[in-house]
Amino acid sequence: MMSPTEDQTKGKKLLQEVALRYASQHGLRPDRIEWDDLGYESGMKIITAEHTVRVIFSPDEIAFYSAEGLVDKEAKLKIRNAFASLSM
């Protein structure tokens, strides 16, 4: 297993912050956020007492998200859609 790069570590942290904002907009208070290494992808799990929301990212998406001054709208859209599915 490869160790995460600085960009991936920073990207995960920033993606978690986005996920926490979307969770609060849906009235959720996550107990924790976990990352699963799925080999060629990473899965972020936002866990509450009632729900687990999963979002899958490629290593490139995570690293790109950490780039200064860049906004990855697709990554945000993935997170938003995962929380929107709870409303259905």
PDB file of N, CA and C in Angstrom:
ATOM      1  N   MET A   1       0.842  -1.177   0.000  1.00  0.00           N
ATOM      2  CA  MET A   1       0.000   0.000   0.000  1.00  0.00           C
ATOM      3  C   MET A   1       0.885   1.236   0.000  1.00  0.00           C
ATOM      4  N   MET A   2       0.540   2.211  -0.841  1.00  0.00           N
ATOM      5  CA  MET A   2       1.320   3.423  -0.940  1.00  0.00           C
ATOM      6  C   MET A   2       0.936   4.395   0.174  1.00  0.00           C
ATOM      7  N   SER A   3       1.904   5.129   0.659  1.00  0.00           N
ATOM      8  CA  SER A   3       1.579   6.146   1.648  1.00  0.00           C
ATOM      9  C   SER A   3       1.007   7.359   0.924  1.00  0.00           C
ATOM     10  N   PRO A   4       0.083   8.064   1.571  1.00  0.00           N
ATOM     11  CA  PRO A   4      -0.544   9.205   0.909  1.00  0.00           C
ATOM     12  C   PRO A   4       0.448  10.347   0.714  1.00  0.00           C
ATOM     13  N   THR A   5       0.270  11.048  -0.388  1.00  0.00           N
ATOM     14  CA  THR A   5       1.095  12.219  -0.635  1.00  0.00           C
ATOM     15  C   THR A   5       0.551  13.384   0.184  1.00  0.00           C
ATOM     16  N   GLU A   6       1.336  14.440   0.259  1.00  0.00           N
ATOM     17  CA  GLU A   6       0.889  15.632   0.985  1.00  0.00           C
ATOM     18  C   GLU A   6      -0.387  16.198   0.359  1.00  0.00           C
ATOM     19  N   ASP A   7      -0.469  16.191  -0.986  1.00  0.00           N
ATOM     20  CA  ASP A   7      -1.664  16.688  -1.665  1.00  0.00           C
ATOM     21  C   ASP A   7      -2.886  15.838  -1.348  1.00  0.00           C
ATOM     22  N   GLN A   8      -2.705  14.521  -1.267  1.00  0.00           N
ATOM     23  CA  GLN A   8      -3.838  13.649  -0.946  1.00  0.00           C
ATOM     24  C   GLN A   8      -4.300  13.863   0.497  1.00  0.00           C
ATOM     25  N   THR A   9      -3.361  14.023   1.404  1.00  0.00           N
ATOM     26  CA  THR A   9      -3.715  14.260   2.804  1.00  0.00           C
ATOM     27  C   THR A   9      -4.472  15.571   2.941  1.00  0.00           C
ATOM     28  N   LYS A  10      -3.977  16.614   2.291  1.00  0.00           N
ATOM     29  CA  LYS A  10      -4.635  17.919   2.339  1.00  0.00           C
ATOM     30  C   LYS A  10      -5.988  17.857   1.633  1.00  0.00           C
ATOM     31  N   GLY A  11      -6.050  17.180   0.498  1.00  0.00           N
ATOM     32  CA  GLY A  11      -7.303  17.045  -0.236  1.00  0.00           C
ATOM     33  C   GLY A  11      -8.371  16.339   0.580  1.00  0.00           C
ATOM     34  N   LYS A  12      -7.985  15.274   1.276  1.00  0.00           N
ATOM     35  CA  LYS A  12      -8.949  14.558   2.130  1.00  0.00           C
ATOM     36  C   LYS A  12      -9.490  15.472   3.221  1.00  0.00           C
ATOM     37  N   LYS A  13      -8.610  16.246   3.828  1.00  0.00           N
ATOM     38  CA  LYS A  13      -9.032  17.165   4.891  1.00  0.00           C
ATOM     39  C   LYS A  13     -10.031  18.187   4.349  1.00  0.00           C
ATOM     40  N   LEU A  14      -9.732  18.750   3.184  1.00  0.00           N
ATOM     41  CA  LEU A  14     -10.631  19.739   2.592  1.00  0.00           C
ATOM     42  C   LEU A  14     -11.956  19.119   2.168  1.00  0.00           C
ATOM     43  N   LEU A  15     -11.926  17.911   1.629  1.00  0.00           N
ATOM     44  CA  LEU A  15     -13.166  17.221   1.249  1.00  0.00           C
ATOM     45  C   LEU A  15     -14.012  16.901   2.477  1.00  0.00           C
ATOM     46  N   GLN A  16     -13.366  16.558   3.578  1.00  0.00           N
ATOM     47  CA  GLN A  16     -14.096  16.316   4.822  1.00  0.00           C
ATOM     48  C   GLN A  16     -14.802  17.588   5.282  1.00  0.00           C
ATOM     49  N   GLU A  17     -14.150  18.742   5.151  1.00  0.00           N
ATOM     50  CA  GLU A  17     -14.770  20.008   5.539  1.00  0.00           C
ATOM     51  C   GLU A  17     -16.016  20.282   4.698  1.00  0.00           C
ATOM     52  N   VAL A  18     -15.940  19.997   3.398  1.00  0.00           N
ATOM     53  CA  VAL A  18     -17.102  20.159   2.516  1.00  0.00           C
ATOM     54  C   VAL A  18     -18.219  19.220   2.959  1.00  0.00           C
ATOM     55  N   ALA A  19     -17.869  17.970   3.245  1.00  0.00           N
ATOM     56  CA  ALA A  19     -18.866  16.984   3.670  1.00  0.00           C
ATOM     57  C   ALA A  19     -19.543  17.418   4.968  1.00  0.00           C
ATOM     58  N   LEU A  20     -18.785  17.964   5.897  1.00  0.00           N
ATOM     59  CA  LEU A  20     -19.367  18.423   7.165  1.00  0.00           C
ATOM     60  C   LEU A  20     -20.332  19.588   6.933  1.00  0.00           C
ATOM     61  N   ARG A  21     -20.014  20.473   5.995  1.00  0.00           N
ATOM     62  CA  ARG A  21     -20.934  21.580   5.670  1.00  0.00           C
ATOM     63  C   ARG A  21     -22.239  21.045   5.092  1.00  0.00           C
ATOM     64  N   TYR A  22     -22.140  20.104   4.142  1.00  0.00           N
ATOM     65  CA  TYR A  22     -23.358  19.533   3.565  1.00  0.00           C
ATOM     66  C   TYR A  22     -24.141  18.760   4.613  1.00  0.00           C
ATOM     67  N   ALA A  23     -23.475  18.055   5.493  1.00  0.00           N
ATOM     68  CA  ALA A  23     -24.168  17.318   6.552  1.00  0.00           C
ATOM     69  C   ALA A  23     -24.961  18.281   7.426  1.00  0.00           C
ATOM     70  N   SER A  24     -24.343  19.380   7.827  1.00  0.00           N
ATOM     71  CA  SER A  24     -25.047  20.336   8.689  1.00  0.00           C
ATOM     72  C   SER A  24     -26.224  20.963   7.960  1.00  0.00           C
ATOM     73  N   GLN A  25     -26.123  21.180   6.648  1.00  0.00           N
ATOM     74  CA  GLN A  25     -27.239  21.720   5.878  1.00  0.00           C
ATOM     75  C   GLN A  25     -28.422  20.752   5.843  1.00  0.00           C
ATOM     76  N   HIS A  26     -28.142  19.468   6.028  1.00  0.00           N
ATOM     77  CA  HIS A  26     -29.195  18.453   6.064  1.00  0.00           C
ATOM     78  C   HIS A  26     -29.583  18.083   7.492  1.00  0.00           C
ATOM     79  N   GLY A  27     -29.118  18.865   8.457  1.00  0.00           N
ATOM     80  CA  GLY A  27     -29.472  18.634   9.855  1.00  0.00           C
ATOM     81  C   GLY A  27     -28.764  17.447  10.483  1.00  0.00           C
ATOM     82  N   LEU A  28     -27.660  17.027   9.904  1.00  0.00           N
ATOM     83  CA  LEU A  28     -26.926  15.878  10.426  1.00  0.00           C
ATOM     84  C   LEU A  28     -25.692  16.336  11.191  1.00  0.00           C
ATOM     85  N   ARG A  29     -25.364  15.581  12.207  1.00  0.00           N
ATOM     86  CA  ARG A  29     -24.146  15.820  12.970  1.00  0.00           C
ATOM     87  C   ARG A  29     -23.335  14.526  12.962  1.00  0.00           C
ATOM     88  N   PRO A  30     -22.387  14.442  12.037  1.00  0.00           N
ATOM     89  CA  PRO A  30     -21.610  13.200  11.927  1.00  0.00           C
ATOM     90  C   PRO A  30     -20.835  12.873  13.190  1.00  0.00           C
ATOM     91  N   ASP A  31     -20.851  11.586  13.531  1.00  0.00           N
ATOM     92  CA  ASP A  31     -20.050  11.094  14.650  1.00  0.00           C
ATOM     93  C   ASP A  31     -18.589  11.020  14.241  1.00  0.00           C
ATOM     94  N   ARG A  32     -18.366  10.643  12.977  1.00  0.00           N
ATOM     95  CA  ARG A  32     -16.993  10.532  12.488  1.00  0.00           C
ATOM     96  C   ARG A  32     -16.991  10.433  10.970  1.00  0.00           C
ATOM     97  N   ILE A  33     -15.803  10.669  10.408  1.00  0.00           N
ATOM     98  CA  ILE A  33     -15.576  10.486   8.977  1.00  0.00           C
ATOM     99  C   ILE A  33     -14.407   9.525   8.842  1.00  0.00           C
ATOM    100  N   GLU A  34     -14.606   8.504   8.021  1.00  0.00           N
ATOM    101  CA  GLU A  34     -13.565   7.499   7.794  1.00  0.00           C
ATOM    102  C   GLU A  34     -13.241   7.448   6.306  1.00  0.00           C
ATOM    103  N   TRP A  35     -12.015   7.063   6.013  1.00  0.00           N
ATOM    104  CA  TRP A  35     -11.577   6.843   4.637  1.00  0.00           C
ATOM    105  C   TRP A  35     -11.200   5.380   4.475  1.00  0.00           C
ATOM    106  N   ASP A  36     -11.702   4.752   3.423  1.00  0.00           N
ATOM    107  CA  ASP A  36     -11.356   3.373   3.086  1.00  0.00           C
ATOM    108  C   ASP A  36     -10.510   3.374   1.825  1.00  0.00           C
ATOM    109  N   ASP A  37      -9.398   2.672   1.864  1.00  0.00           N
ATOM    110  CA  ASP A  37      -8.565   2.493   0.675  1.00  0.00           C
ATOM    111  C   ASP A  37      -9.148   1.330  -0.102  1.00  0.00           C
ATOM    112  N   LEU A  38      -9.671   1.629  -1.287  1.00  0.00           N
ATOM    113  CA  LEU A  38     -10.307   0.611  -2.108  1.00  0.00           C
ATOM    114  C   LEU A  38      -9.406   0.170  -3.257  1.00  0.00           C
ATOM    115  N   GLY A  39      -8.113   0.369  -3.085  1.00  0.00           N
ATOM    116  CA  GLY A  39      -7.150   0.005  -4.121  1.00  0.00           C
ATOM    117  C   GLY A  39      -6.912   1.160  -5.064  1.00  0.00           C
ATOM    118  N   TYR A  40      -7.720   1.260  -6.078  1.00  0.00           N
ATOM    119  CA  TYR A  40      -7.562   2.312  -7.070  1.00  0.00           C
ATOM    120  C   TYR A  40      -8.428   3.534  -6.769  1.00  0.00           C
ATOM    121  N   GLU A  41      -9.201   3.490  -5.692  1.00  0.00           N
ATOM    122  CA  GLU A  41     -10.060   4.589  -5.273  1.00  0.00           C
ATOM    123  C   GLU A  41     -10.037   4.686  -3.751  1.00  0.00           C
ATOM    124  N   SER A  42     -10.559   5.803  -3.256  1.00  0.00           N
ATOM    125  CA  SER A  42     -10.731   5.971  -1.812  1.00  0.00           C
ATOM    126  C   SER A  42     -12.182   6.303  -1.536  1.00  0.00           C
ATOM    127  N   GLY A  43     -12.711   5.690  -0.506  1.00  0.00           N
ATOM    128  CA  GLY A  43     -14.094   5.938  -0.136  1.00  0.00           C
ATOM    129  C   GLY A  43     -14.155   6.727   1.159  1.00  0.00           C
ATOM    130  N   MET A  44     -14.884   7.838   1.126  1.00  0.00           N
ATOM    131  CA  MET A  44     -15.112   8.629   2.328  1.00  0.00           C
ATOM    132  C   MET A  44     -16.477   8.238   2.883  1.00  0.00           C
ATOM    133  N   LYS A  45     -16.507   7.889   4.164  1.00  0.00           N
ATOM    134  CA  LYS A  45     -17.758   7.544   4.826  1.00  0.00           C
ATOM    135  C   LYS A  45     -18.028   8.584   5.903  1.00  0.00           C
ATOM    136  N   ILE A  46     -19.193   9.223   5.817  1.00  0.00           N
ATOM    137  CA  ILE A  46     -19.637  10.168   6.822  1.00  0.00           C
ATOM    138  C   ILE A  46     -20.675   9.421   7.640  1.00  0.00           C
ATOM    139  N   ILE A  47     -20.388   9.225   8.928  1.00  0.00           N
ATOM    140  CA  ILE A  47     -21.191   8.326   9.743  1.00  0.00           C
ATOM    141  C   ILE A  47     -21.920   9.096  10.836  1.00  0.00           C
ATOM    142  N   THR A  48     -23.256   8.918  10.879  1.00  0.00           N
ATOM    143  CA  THR A  48     -24.078   9.442  11.969  1.00  0.00           C
ATOM    144  C   THR A  48     -24.755   8.246  12.629  1.00  0.00           C
ATOM    145  N   ALA A  49     -25.504   8.496  13.675  1.00  0.00           N
ATOM    146  CA  ALA A  49     -26.214   7.406  14.360  1.00  0.00           C
ATOM    147  C   ALA A  49     -27.239   6.750  13.434  1.00  0.00           C
ATOM    148  N   GLU A  50     -27.833   7.523  12.526  1.00  0.00           N
ATOM    149  CA  GLU A  50     -28.895   7.006  11.668  1.00  0.00           C
ATOM    150  C   GLU A  50     -28.458   6.671  10.243  1.00  0.00           C
ATOM    151  N   HIS A  51     -27.378   7.285   9.775  1.00  0.00           N
ATOM    152  CA  HIS A  51     -27.007   7.168   8.365  1.00  0.00           C
ATOM    153  C   HIS A  51     -25.503   6.988   8.186  1.00  0.00           C
ATOM    154  N   THR A  52     -25.154   6.380   7.074  1.00  0.00           N
ATOM    155  CA  THR A  52     -23.777   6.371   6.584  1.00  0.00           C
ATOM    156  C   THR A  52     -23.836   6.825   5.140  1.00  0.00           C
ATOM    157  N   VAL A  53     -23.143   7.916   4.853  1.00  0.00           N
ATOM    158  CA  VAL A  53     -23.096   8.466   3.499  1.00  0.00           C
ATOM    159  C   VAL A  53     -21.728   8.141   2.936  1.00  0.00           C
ATOM    160  N   ARG A  54     -21.704   7.526   1.743  1.00  0.00           N
ATOM    161  CA  ARG A  54     -20.443   7.133   1.115  1.00  0.00           C
ATOM    162  C   ARG A  54     -20.218   7.920  -0.175  1.00  0.00           C
ATOM    163  N   VAL A  55     -18.981   8.359  -0.356  1.00  0.00           N
ATOM    164  CA  VAL A  55     -18.590   9.058  -1.579  1.00  0.00           C
ATOM    165  C   VAL A  55     -17.240   8.490  -2.011  1.00  0.00           C
ATOM    166  N   ILE A  56     -17.125   8.111  -3.284  1.00  0.00           N
ATOM    167  CA  ILE A  56     -15.907   7.509  -3.821  1.00  0.00           C
ATOM    168  C   ILE A  56     -15.138   8.542  -4.645  1.00  0.00           C
ATOM    169  N   PHE A  57     -13.829   8.608  -4.403  1.00  0.00           N
ATOM    170  CA  PHE A  57     -12.957   9.536  -5.127  1.00  0.00           C
ATOM    171  C   PHE A  57     -11.743   8.787  -5.665  1.00  0.00           C
ATOM    172  N   SER A  58     -11.250   9.232  -6.810  1.00  0.00           N
ATOM    173  CA  SER A  58      -9.987   8.715  -7.319  1.00  0.00           C
ATOM    174  C   SER A  58      -8.853   9.451  -6.607  1.00  0.00           C
ATOM    175  N   PRO A  59      -7.658   8.867  -6.573  1.00  0.00           N
ATOM    176  CA  PRO A  59      -6.516   9.567  -5.969  1.00  0.00           C
ATOM    177  C   PRO A  59      -6.251  10.924  -6.628  1.00  0.00           C
ATOM    178  N   ASP A  60      -6.458  11.002  -7.938  1.00  0.00           N
ATOM    179  CA  ASP A  60      -6.256  12.271  -8.640  1.00  0.00           C
ATOM    180  C   ASP A  60      -7.263  13.330  -8.199  1.00  0.00           C
ATOM    181  N   GLU A  61      -8.520  12.931  -8.008  1.00  0.00           N
ATOM    182  CA  GLU A  61      -9.524  13.882  -7.534  1.00  0.00           C
ATOM    183  C   GLU A  61      -9.146  14.434  -6.171  1.00  0.00           C
ATOM    184  N   ILE A  62      -8.677  13.577  -5.297  1.00  0.00           N
ATOM    185  CA  ILE A  62      -8.300  14.000  -3.952  1.00  0.00           C
ATOM    186  C   ILE A  62      -7.112  14.946  -4.001  1.00  0.00           C
ATOM    187  N   ALA A  63      -6.087  14.585  -4.750  1.00  0.00           N
ATOM    188  CA  ALA A  63      -4.893  15.426  -4.851  1.00  0.00           C
ATOM    189  C   ALA A  63      -5.216  16.759  -5.521  1.00  0.00           C
ATOM    190  N   PHE A  64      -6.034  16.734  -6.565  1.00  0.00           N
ATOM    191  CA  PHE A  64      -6.396  17.955  -7.279  1.00  0.00           C
ATOM    192  C   PHE A  64      -7.154  18.908  -6.364  1.00  0.00           C
ATOM    193  N   TYR A  65      -7.981  18.361  -5.480  1.00  0.00           N
ATOM    194  CA  TYR A  65      -8.792  19.194  -4.601  1.00  0.00           C
ATOM    195  C   TYR A  65      -7.935  20.038  -3.672  1.00  0.00           C
ATOM    196  N   SER A  66      -6.729  19.602  -3.403  1.00  0.00           N
ATOM    197  CA  SER A  66      -5.865  20.339  -2.487  1.00  0.00           C
ATOM    198  C   SER A  66      -5.120  21.478  -3.163  1.00  0.00           C
ATOM    199  N   ALA A  67      -5.168  21.542  -4.490  1.00  0.00           N
ATOM    200  CA  ALA A  67      -4.422  22.573  -5.213  1.00  0.00           C
ATOM    201  C   ALA A  67      -4.951  23.959  -4.848  1.00  0.00           C
ATOM    202  N   GLU A  68      -4.053  24.843  -4.537  1.00  0.00           N
ATOM    203  CA  GLU A  68      -4.420  26.191  -4.123  1.00  0.00           C
ATOM    204  C   GLU A  68      -5.166  26.930  -5.239  1.00  0.00           C
ATOM    205  N   GLY A  69      -6.265  27.564  -4.860  1.00  0.00           N
ATOM    206  CA  GLY A  69      -6.997  28.404  -5.799  1.00  0.00           C
ATOM    207  C   GLY A  69      -7.886  27.664  -6.775  1.00  0.00           C
ATOM    208  N   LEU A  70      -7.890  26.350  -6.745  1.00  0.00           N
ATOM    209  CA  LEU A  70      -8.726  25.585  -7.664  1.00  0.00           C
ATOM    210  C   LEU A  70      -9.943  25.044  -6.925  1.00  0.00           C
ATOM    211  N   VAL A  71     -11.065  25.062  -7.603  1.00  0.00           N
ATOM    212  CA  VAL A  71     -12.286  24.514  -7.024  1.00  0.00           C
ATOM    213  C   VAL A  71     -12.731  23.364  -7.911  1.00  0.00           C
ATOM    214  N   ASP A  72     -12.790  22.185  -7.340  1.00  0.00           N
ATOM    215  CA  ASP A  72     -13.238  21.016  -8.086  1.00  0.00           C
ATOM    216  C   ASP A  72     -14.745  20.868  -7.866  1.00  0.00           C
ATOM    217  N   LYS A  73     -15.513  21.425  -8.792  1.00  0.00           N
ATOM    218  CA  LYS A  73     -16.968  21.405  -8.649  1.00  0.00           C
ATOM    219  C   LYS A  73     -17.525  19.988  -8.702  1.00  0.00           C
ATOM    220  N   GLU A  74     -16.880  19.107  -9.456  1.00  0.00           N
ATOM    221  CA  GLU A  74     -17.376  17.739  -9.553  1.00  0.00           C
ATOM    222  C   GLU A  74     -17.254  17.004  -8.227  1.00  0.00           C
ATOM    223  N   ALA A  75     -16.183  17.235  -7.490  1.00  0.00           N
ATOM    224  CA  ALA A  75     -16.026  16.595  -6.188  1.00  0.00           C
ATOM    225  C   ALA A  75     -17.104  17.095  -5.227  1.00  0.00           C
ATOM    226  N   LYS A  76     -17.358  18.398  -5.246  1.00  0.00           N
ATOM    227  CA  LYS A  76     -18.417  18.953  -4.399  1.00  0.00           C
ATOM    228  C   LYS A  76     -19.776  18.396  -4.807  1.00  0.00           C
ATOM    229  N   LEU A  77     -19.985  18.251  -6.107  1.00  0.00           N
ATOM    230  CA  LEU A  77     -21.249  17.723  -6.609  1.00  0.00           C
ATOM    231  C   LEU A  77     -21.462  16.279  -6.146  1.00  0.00           C
ATOM    232  N   LYS A  78     -20.404  15.492  -6.131  1.00  0.00           N
ATOM    233  CA  LYS A  78     -20.507  14.108  -5.636  1.00  0.00           C
ATOM    234  C   LYS A  78     -20.979  14.095  -4.180  1.00  0.00           C
ATOM    235  N   ILE A  79     -20.391  14.960  -3.373  1.00  0.00           N
ATOM    236  CA  ILE A  79     -20.761  15.013  -1.961  1.00  0.00           C
ATOM    237  C   ILE A  79     -22.196  15.513  -1.806  1.00  0.00           C
ATOM    238  N   ARG A  80     -22.537  16.564  -2.518  1.00  0.00           N
ATOM    239  CA  ARG A  80     -23.893  17.111  -2.439  1.00  0.00           C
ATOM    240  C   ARG A  80     -24.928  16.071  -2.834  1.00  0.00           C
ATOM    241  N   ASN A  81     -24.671  15.361  -3.926  1.00  0.00           N
ATOM    242  CA  ASN A  81     -25.622  14.347  -4.392  1.00  0.00           C
ATOM    243  C   ASN A  81     -25.767  13.200  -3.401  1.00  0.00           C
ATOM    244  N   ALA A  82     -24.675  12.838  -2.741  1.00  0.00           N
ATOM    245  CA  ALA A  82     -24.756  11.764  -1.744  1.00  0.00           C
ATOM    246  C   ALA A  82     -25.677  12.160  -0.604  1.00  0.00           C
ATOM    247  N   PHE A  83     -25.606  13.413  -0.164  1.00  0.00           N
ATOM    248  CA  PHE A  83     -26.499  13.872   0.906  1.00  0.00           C
ATOM    249  C   PHE A  83     -27.911  14.089   0.395  1.00  0.00           C
ATOM    250  N   ALA A  84     -28.069  14.528  -0.850  1.00  0.00           N
ATOM    251  CA  ALA A  84     -29.398  14.736  -1.416  1.00  0.00           C
ATOM    252  C   ALA A  84     -30.157  13.419  -1.489  1.00  0.00           C
ATOM    253  N   SER A  85     -29.456  12.312  -1.682  1.00  0.00           N
ATOM    254  CA  SER A  85     -30.135  11.014  -1.764  1.00  0.00           C
ATOM    255  C   SER A  85     -30.801  10.638  -0.437  1.00  0.00           C
ATOM    256  N   LEU A  86     -30.354  11.225   0.672  1.00  0.00           N
ATOM    257  CA  LEU A  86     -30.997  10.961   1.958  1.00  0.00           C
ATOM    258  C   LEU A  86     -32.407  11.537   2.013  1.00  0.00           C
ATOM    259  N   SER A  87     -32.630  12.590   1.242  1.00  0.00           N
ATOM    260  CA  SER A  87     -33.932  13.262   1.251  1.00  0.00           C
ATOM    261  C   SER A  87     -34.999  12.509   0.489  1.00  0.00           C
ATOM    262  N   MET A  88     -34.579  11.576  -0.337  1.00  0.00           N
ATOM    263  CA  MET A  88     -35.540  10.850  -1.184  1.00  0.00           C
ATOM    264  C   MET A  88     -36.244   9.773  -0.410  1.00  0.00           C
TER     265      MET A  88
END
